[in-house]
C-alpha atoms as a PDB file:
ATOM      1  CA  MET A   1       2.648 -18.479  78.685  1.00  0.00           C
ATOM      2  CA  PRO A   2       0.492 -18.133  75.697  1.00  0.00           C
ATOM      3  CA  ASN A   3      -0.534 -14.365  76.038  1.00  0.00           C
ATOM      4  CA  SER A   4       0.663 -12.337  78.855  1.00  0.00           C
ATOM      5  CA  PRO A   5      -1.094  -9.080  79.723  1.00  0.00           C
ATOM      6  CA  ALA A   6       1.906  -7.157  78.403  1.00  0.00           C
ATOM      7  CA  GLU A   7       1.627  -8.728  74.927  1.00  0.00           C
ATOM      8  CA  PRO A   8      -1.313  -7.871  72.550  1.00  0.00           C
ATOM      9  CA  ALA A   9      -3.189 -10.755  71.143  1.00  0.00           C
ATOM     10  CA  ALA A  10      -1.783 -11.923  67.734  1.00  0.00           C
ATOM     11  CA  ASP A  11      -5.127 -11.454  65.952  1.00  0.00           C
ATOM     12  CA  GLY A  12      -6.451  -8.466  67.895  1.00  0.00           C
ATOM     13  CA  PRO A  13      -5.575  -5.519  65.582  1.00  0.00           C
ATOM     14  CA  ARG A  14      -6.922  -7.377  62.525  1.00  0.00           C
ATOM     15  CA  TRP A  15     -10.478  -7.628  64.121  1.00  0.00           C
ATOM     16  CA  ARG A  16     -10.549  -4.180  65.474  1.00  0.00           C
ATOM     17  CA  TYR A  17     -12.462  -2.778  62.522  1.00  0.00           C
ATOM     18  CA  LEU A  18     -14.871  -5.636  62.120  1.00  0.00           C
ATOM     19  CA  PRO A  19     -17.677  -4.413  64.480  1.00  0.00           C
ATOM     20  CA  PRO A  20     -18.036  -0.966  62.797  1.00  0.00           C
ATOM     21  CA  ILE A  21     -18.087  -2.602  59.380  1.00  0.00           C
ATOM     22  CA  VAL A  22     -20.737  -5.112  60.465  1.00  0.00           C
ATOM     23  CA  VAL A  23     -22.822  -2.379  61.943  1.00  0.00           C
ATOM     24  CA  GLY A  24     -22.544  -0.270  58.836  1.00  0.00           C
ATOM     25  CA  LEU A  25     -23.569  -3.220  56.685  1.00  0.00           C
ATOM     26  CA  LEU A  26     -26.585  -3.861  58.868  1.00  0.00           C
ATOM     27  CA  VAL A  27     -27.678  -0.275  58.820  1.00  0.00           C
ATOM     28  CA  SER A  28     -27.301  -0.077  55.023  1.00  0.00           C
ATOM     29  CA  ALA A  29     -29.450  -3.308  54.562  1.00  0.00           C
ATOM     30  CA  TRP A  30     -32.047  -1.954  57.055  1.00  0.00           C
ATOM     31  CA  LEU A  31     -32.307   1.309  55.147  1.00  0.00           C
ATOM     32  CA  SER A  32     -32.524  -0.508  51.765  1.00  0.00           C
ATOM     33  CA  LEU A  33     -35.321  -2.737  53.025  1.00  0.00           C
ATOM     34  CA  GLY A  34     -37.168   0.201  54.517  1.00  0.00           C
ATOM     35  CA  LEU A  35     -37.049   2.224  51.182  1.00  0.00           C
ATOM     36  CA  ALA A  36     -38.180  -0.795  49.224  1.00  0.00           C
ATOM     37  CA  TYR A  37     -41.019  -1.431  51.585  1.00  0.00           C
ATOM     38  CA  HIS A  38     -42.444   2.051  51.113  1.00  0.00           C
ATOM     39  CA  ARG A  39     -42.418   2.003  47.362  1.00  0.00           C
ATOM     40  CA  GLN A  40     -45.888   1.604  45.723  1.00  0.00           C
ATOM     41  CA  PRO A  41     -46.395  -1.091  43.199  1.00  0.00           C
ATOM     42  CA  ALA A  42     -47.015   0.028  39.642  1.00  0.00           C
ATOM     43  CA  THR A  43     -50.568  -0.124  38.234  1.00  0.00           C
ATOM     44  CA  ALA A  44     -51.859   0.090  34.767  1.00  0.00           C
ATOM     45  CA  GLY A  45     -52.759   3.705  35.397  1.00  0.00           C
ATOM     46  CA  ASP A  46     -49.255   4.600  36.224  1.00  0.00           C
ATOM     47  CA  LEU A  47     -47.881   3.601  32.838  1.00  0.00           C
ATOM     48  CA  THR A  48     -47.794   6.524  30.488  1.00  0.00           C
ATOM     49  CA  PRO A  49     -47.174   5.370  26.994  1.00  0.00           C
ATOM     50  CA  THR A  50     -47.052   7.824  24.053  1.00  0.00           C
ATOM     51  CA  PRO A  51     -50.426   8.382  22.325  1.00  0.00           C
ATOM     52  CA  SER A  52     -49.222   6.619  19.196  1.00  0.00           C
ATOM     53  CA  ASP A  53     -48.801   3.298  21.121  1.00  0.00           C
ATOM     54  CA  TYR A  54     -52.421   2.342  21.249  1.00  0.00           C
ATOM     55  CA  ARG A  55     -56.004   3.515  21.356  1.00  0.00           C
ATOM     56  CA  VAL A  56     -58.753   2.519  23.782  1.00  0.00           C
ATOM     57  CA  HIS A  57     -62.200   2.274  22.231  1.00  0.00           C
ATOM     58  CA  LEU A  58     -64.422   4.031  24.598  1.00  0.00           C
ATOM     59  CA  ASN A  59     -67.693   2.567  23.453  1.00  0.00           C
ATOM     60  CA  ASP A  60     -66.566  -1.060  23.029  1.00  0.00           C
ATOM     61  CA  ASP A  61     -63.656  -1.941  25.350  1.00  0.00           C
ATOM     62  CA  ASP A  62     -63.883  -3.732  28.599  1.00  0.00           C
ATOM     63  CA  ALA A  63     -62.689  -2.631  32.149  1.00  0.00           C
ATOM     64  CA  ILE A  64     -59.250  -4.185  31.607  1.00  0.00           C
ATOM     65  CA  GLN A  65     -58.591  -2.210  28.527  1.00  0.00           C
ATOM     66  CA  LEU A  66     -59.991   0.956  30.022  1.00  0.00           C
ATOM     67  CA  GLN A  67     -57.492   0.596  32.845  1.00  0.00           C
ATOM     68  CA  LEU A  68     -54.672   0.993  30.435  1.00  0.00           C
ATOM     69  CA  LEU A  69     -55.568   4.723  30.300  1.00  0.00           C
ATOM     70  CA  PRO A  70     -53.315   6.898  32.578  1.00  0.00           C
ATOM     71  CA  GLY A  71     -55.152   7.593  35.862  1.00  0.00           C
ATOM     72  CA  ILE A  72     -57.977   5.091  35.189  1.00  0.00           C
ATOM     73  CA  GLY A  73     -58.131   2.309  37.748  1.00  0.00           C
ATOM     74  CA  PRO A  74     -60.563  -0.427  38.418  1.00  0.00           C
ATOM     75  CA  ARG A  75     -63.217   1.854  40.095  1.00  0.00           C
ATOM     76  CA  LEU A  76     -63.212   4.457  37.356  1.00  0.00           C
ATOM     77  CA  ALA A  77     -63.299   1.769  34.666  1.00  0.00           C
ATOM     78  CA  ASP A  78     -66.331   0.227  36.342  1.00  0.00           C
ATOM     79  CA  HIS A  79     -67.900   3.726  36.462  1.00  0.00           C
ATOM     80  CA  ILE A  80     -67.373   4.221  32.709  1.00  0.00           C
ATOM     81  CA  LEU A  81     -68.938   0.787  32.010  1.00  0.00           C
ATOM     82  CA  VAL A  82     -71.996   1.467  34.196  1.00  0.00           C
ATOM     83  CA  ASP A  83     -72.549   4.885  32.618  1.00  0.00           C
ATOM     84  CA  ARG A  84     -72.093   3.375  29.137  1.00  0.00           C
ATOM     85  CA  GLN A  85     -74.766   0.764  29.956  1.00  0.00           C
ATOM     86  CA  GLN A  86     -77.194   3.272  31.472  1.00  0.00           C
ATOM     87  CA  GLY A  87     -76.569   6.333  29.306  1.00  0.00           C
ATOM     88  CA  GLY A  88     -75.660   4.771  26.001  1.00  0.00           C
ATOM     89  CA  ARG A  89     -72.655   5.204  23.797  1.00  0.00           C
ATOM     90  CA  PHE A  90     -70.452   8.208  24.038  1.00  0.00           C
ATOM     91  CA  ASP A  91     -70.975  10.512  21.033  1.00  0.00           C
ATOM     92  CA  ARG A  92     -67.785  12.607  21.683  1.00  0.00           C
ATOM     93  CA  ARG A  93     -64.727  12.328  24.059  1.00  0.00           C
ATOM     94  CA  GLU A  94     -65.927  15.189  26.220  1.00  0.00           C
ATOM     95  CA  ALA A  95     -69.048  13.237  27.037  1.00  0.00           C
ATOM     96  CA  LEU A  96     -66.870  11.117  29.312  1.00  0.00           C
ATOM     97  CA  GLU A  97     -67.350  13.902  31.852  1.00  0.00           C
ATOM     98  CA  ARG A  98     -70.865  12.639  32.574  1.00  0.00           C
ATOM     99  CA  VAL A  99     -69.167   9.671  34.333  1.00  0.00           C
ATOM    100  CA  HIS A 100     -69.110   9.892  38.129  1.00  0.00           C
ATOM    101  CA  ARG A 101     -65.599  11.043  39.327  1.00  0.00           C
ATOM    102  CA  ILE A 102     -64.348  12.078  35.841  1.00  0.00           C
ATOM    103  CA  GLY A 103     -63.881  15.685  35.201  1.00  0.00           C
ATOM    104  CA  PRO A 104     -62.450  17.955  32.438  1.00  0.00           C
ATOM    105  CA  ARG A 105     -58.868  17.420  33.567  1.00  0.00           C
ATOM    106  CA  THR A 106     -59.137  13.639  33.477  1.00  0.00           C
ATOM    107  CA  VAL A 107     -60.680  13.809  30.082  1.00  0.00           C
ATOM    108  CA  GLU A 108     -57.905  16.067  28.698  1.00  0.00           C
ATOM    109  CA  ARG A 109     -55.203  13.742  30.108  1.00  0.00           C
ATOM    110  CA  ILE A 110     -56.568  10.627  28.490  1.00  0.00           C
ATOM    111  CA  LYS A 111     -58.050  12.282  25.370  1.00  0.00           C
ATOM    112  CA  PRO A 112     -54.942  11.281  23.156  1.00  0.00           C
ATOM    113  CA  TRP A 113     -55.516   7.574  23.954  1.00  0.00           C
ATOM    114  CA  ILE A 114     -59.233   7.169  23.435  1.00  0.00           C
ATOM    115  CA  THR A 115     -61.359   6.827  20.336  1.00  0.00           C
ATOM    116  CA  LEU A 116     -65.102   6.446  20.147  1.00  0.00           C
ATOM    117  CA  ASP A 117     -65.311   3.702  17.558  1.00  0.00           C
ATOM    118  CA  PRO A 118     -62.891   0.882  16.727  1.00  0.00           C
ATOM    119  CA  LEU A 119     -60.795   1.185  13.716  1.00  0.00           C
ATOM    120  CA  PRO A 120     -62.084  -0.648  10.678  1.00  0.00           C
ATOM    121  CA  PRO A 121     -60.120  -3.892  10.045  1.00  0.00           C
ATOM    122  CA  THR A 122     -57.430  -3.595   7.487  1.00  0.00           C
ATOM    123  CA  GLU A 123     -57.493  -5.942   4.515  1.00  0.00           C
ATOM    124  CA  PRO A 124     -54.325  -7.753   3.637  1.00  0.00           C
END
């Protein structure tokens, strides 16, 4: 007789731990996917370079370059461009507060990265 009821199966004890291991791996994968799904993608406003890395020229740069400023997304960049077209050039950095949805805290946060006029070209 191949396997009588009194004899355990030859491969039985080896496979006894397989179901808990498989369940543990599935739960682990499920949790990893859940955490990855809830992460927000990075935007240009999320990047916080040091002030020495670059400057954004407030009176000349376009929306893409304005979005390099921390906390400035597409909508605020558009507000800055519209205000610049309607109200003229900014004469000082604090004048940025005249833009809808930009207050003193935002201006202080981005002040190290903005300049009013582009730097003059350097001659070789």
